[in-house]
Protein backbone atom coordinates (compact mmCIF):
# COMPACT_ATOMS: atom_id res chain seq x y z
CA MET A 1 11.17 -18.50 -24.97
CA LEU A 2 8.68 -16.90 -22.59
CA ASP A 3 5.19 -18.41 -22.66
CA GLU A 4 3.13 -15.25 -21.99
CA GLN A 5 0.02 -17.14 -20.85
CA ALA A 6 1.97 -19.37 -18.47
CA LYS A 7 3.78 -16.33 -17.06
CA LYS A 8 0.52 -14.45 -16.50
CA THR A 9 -1.23 -17.46 -14.94
CA LEU A 10 1.62 -18.31 -12.56
CA LEU A 11 2.44 -14.76 -11.47
CA ARG A 12 -1.21 -14.24 -10.57
CA LYS A 13 -1.01 -17.27 -8.25
CA ILE A 14 1.44 -15.47 -5.94
CA PRO A 15 -0.68 -14.58 -2.88
CA HIS A 16 -0.97 -10.89 -1.94
CA GLY A 17 -2.64 -8.99 0.86
CA LEU A 18 -4.48 -5.74 0.15
CA TYR A 19 -3.50 -2.62 2.05
CA ILE A 20 -4.24 1.07 1.85
CA CYS A 21 -0.95 2.88 1.42
CA GLY A 22 -1.26 6.38 2.86
CA VAL A 23 1.19 9.00 1.64
CA ARG A 24 1.91 12.60 2.51
CA ASP A 25 3.99 15.36 0.97
CA GLY A 26 3.70 18.61 2.91
CA GLU A 27 -0.02 19.33 3.35
CA GLU A 28 -1.08 17.02 0.50
CA MET A 29 -2.28 13.51 1.39
CA ASN A 30 -3.36 10.56 -0.75
CA GLY A 31 -3.91 6.84 -0.51
CA PHE A 32 -3.95 3.90 -2.89
CA THR A 33 -4.64 0.18 -2.77
CA ALA A 34 -1.32 -1.66 -2.51
CA SER A 35 -0.85 -5.38 -3.02
CA TRP A 36 2.83 -5.85 -3.81
CA VAL A 37 3.95 -5.67 -0.17
CA MET A 38 6.07 -8.02 1.95
CA GLN A 39 8.27 -8.11 5.04
CA SER A 40 11.96 -8.20 4.14
CA SER A 41 13.90 -8.05 7.45
CA PHE A 42 13.45 -8.63 11.18
CA THR A 43 16.30 -6.39 12.35
CA PRO A 44 15.78 -3.65 11.52
CA PRO A 45 12.09 -4.24 10.71
CA LEU A 46 11.79 -3.66 6.96
CA VAL A 47 8.97 -4.01 4.44
CA VAL A 48 8.96 -3.78 0.66
CA ASN A 49 6.24 -1.76 -1.06
CA CYS A 50 6.09 -1.60 -4.87
CA VAL A 51 4.54 1.56 -6.31
CA ARG A 52 3.64 2.47 -9.91
CA GLN A 53 6.09 5.05 -11.21
CA ASP A 54 3.45 7.02 -13.14
CA SER A 55 1.27 7.64 -10.06
CA GLY A 56 0.97 10.81 -8.03
CA SER A 57 1.58 8.79 -4.88
CA HIS A 58 4.94 7.68 -6.26
CA ALA A 59 6.00 11.31 -6.58
CA MET A 60 4.79 11.98 -3.03
CA ILE A 61 6.87 9.10 -1.62
CA GLU A 62 9.89 10.30 -3.60
CA ASN A 63 9.52 13.80 -2.10
CA SER A 64 8.65 12.87 1.49
CA GLY A 65 10.43 9.54 2.01
CA VAL A 66 7.55 8.12 4.07
CA PHE A 67 4.43 5.97 3.74
CA ALA A 68 1.98 4.12 5.98
CA LEU A 69 0.22 0.81 5.35
CA THR A 70 -3.26 0.26 6.76
CA PHE A 71 -4.11 -3.45 7.09
CA LEU A 72 -7.66 -4.23 5.91
CA GLU A 73 -9.97 -6.93 7.25
CA ASN A 74 -11.30 -9.61 4.89
CA THR A 75 -14.73 -7.90 4.90
CA GLN A 76 -13.40 -4.57 3.61
CA LYS A 77 -13.33 -5.14 -0.16
CA ASP A 78 -15.56 -2.09 -0.75
CA LEU A 79 -13.17 0.12 1.20
CA ALA A 80 -10.22 -1.16 -0.83
CA ALA A 81 -12.12 -0.42 -4.05
CA GLN A 82 -12.46 3.25 -3.07
CA PHE A 83 -8.68 3.63 -3.30
CA PHE A 84 -8.10 1.96 -6.69
CA LYS A 85 -8.72 5.00 -8.89
CA PRO A 86 -6.15 7.81 -9.24
CA LYS A 87 -6.67 10.95 -7.15
CA ARG A 88 -6.66 13.06 -10.32
CA ARG A 89 -9.89 11.25 -11.34
CA VAL A 90 -11.75 10.95 -8.03
CA GLY A 91 -10.45 13.78 -5.84
CA ASP A 92 -9.94 13.44 -2.09
CA LYS A 93 -10.23 9.72 -1.33
CA PHE A 94 -10.21 10.38 2.43
CA GLU A 95 -13.11 12.86 2.34
CA GLU A 96 -15.66 10.33 3.65
CA ILE A 97 -13.22 7.95 5.41
CA GLU A 98 -12.42 8.33 9.10
CA PHE A 99 -8.63 8.52 9.42
CA TYR A 100 -5.90 10.07 11.51
CA GLU A 101 -2.35 11.18 10.80
CA GLY A 102 0.46 8.88 11.88
CA THR A 103 2.59 10.16 14.74
CA GLU A 104 5.91 9.41 13.00
CA THR A 105 5.16 10.16 9.33
CA GLY A 106 1.99 12.25 9.26
CA CYS A 107 0.61 9.83 6.66
CA PRO A 108 -3.11 9.04 6.72
CA ILE A 109 -4.14 5.86 8.60
CA ILE A 110 -7.67 4.47 8.37
CA LYS A 111 -9.33 4.02 11.78
CA ASP A 112 -11.68 1.22 10.69
CA SER A 113 -8.95 -1.36 10.03
CA LEU A 114 -6.93 -4.13 11.63
CA GLY A 115 -4.01 -1.79 12.23
CA TYR A 116 -1.13 -0.02 10.57
CA ILE A 117 2.59 0.42 10.17
CA GLU A 118 4.41 3.65 9.40
CA CYS A 119 7.60 3.52 7.36
CA ARG A 120 10.54 5.70 6.42
CA VAL A 121 12.10 4.85 3.06
CA VAL A 122 15.63 3.52 3.49
CA GLY A 123 16.19 2.28 -0.05
CA SER A 124 14.61 1.92 -3.45
CA VAL A 125 15.09 0.19 -6.78
CA ALA A 126 13.46 1.67 -9.88
CA HIS A 127 13.20 -0.86 -12.70
CA GLY A 128 10.27 -1.58 -14.99
CA ASP A 129 7.02 0.26 -14.28
CA HIS A 130 7.19 0.12 -10.45
CA THR A 131 9.66 1.33 -7.84
CA VAL A 132 10.48 -1.09 -5.05
CA TYR A 133 10.60 0.95 -1.85
CA VAL A 134 12.24 -0.52 1.22
CA GLY A 135 10.68 1.02 4.30
CA GLU A 136 11.87 0.76 7.88
CA VAL A 137 8.92 0.31 10.23
CA VAL A 138 9.08 3.25 12.66
CA ALA A 139 5.61 2.91 14.24
CA ALA A 140 2.85 0.30 14.41
CA GLY A 141 -0.52 -0.14 16.04
CA ILE A 142 -3.35 -2.67 16.29
CA HIS A 143 -6.96 -1.47 16.06
CA ARG A 144 -8.66 -4.88 16.35
CA GLN A 145 -8.23 -8.60 15.67
CA GLY A 146 -9.39 -10.20 12.41
CA ASP A 147 -8.33 -11.91 9.21
CA PRO A 148 -6.58 -9.81 6.54
CA LEU A 149 -8.06 -9.04 3.14
CA LEU A 150 -6.30 -10.97 0.36
CA LEU A 151 -6.35 -10.05 -3.31
CA GLU A 152 -7.55 -13.54 -4.27
CA GLN A 153 -10.65 -13.11 -2.04
CA THR A 154 -11.80 -10.13 -4.07
CA GLY A 155 -11.78 -11.76 -7.51
CA TRP A 156 -9.55 -8.89 -8.69
CA GLN A 157 -6.20 -9.40 -10.41
CA TYR A 158 -3.10 -7.26 -10.35
CA GLY A 159 0.06 -8.19 -12.11
CA GLY A 160 1.07 -11.04 -14.29
């Protein structure tokens, strides 16, 4: 028997970084706060990024097969918060954020960050309410040194 409270408590203890996942489909761009991200291979360099299936960004990744992850510094909680709400509710999330388009994917990358990786989707698994995208890292860059923003530092919770 599954103890729902124990499950929720323990799953929320899994540490997660916070990233801005930039997506592009044609001329349309969007970004969202991602926390279910991890490295999954050295050769080739692969990451896993889990994306809600009912989001507009999910549809954009399905259509384009690319995404970029901007790595936030531990002082950038307010920036992360700007990307939590769906685009359909808040409009262009990048309107007041300085960004540039990745050279390999065209996805938006935030300039004021630790750095980024650009990924091409090489696999996916769609079960439950999220799709697990496996992305091959095709470009990367460092903007500055610093400590990454972690979900637990914000007081926010996702999952469980």
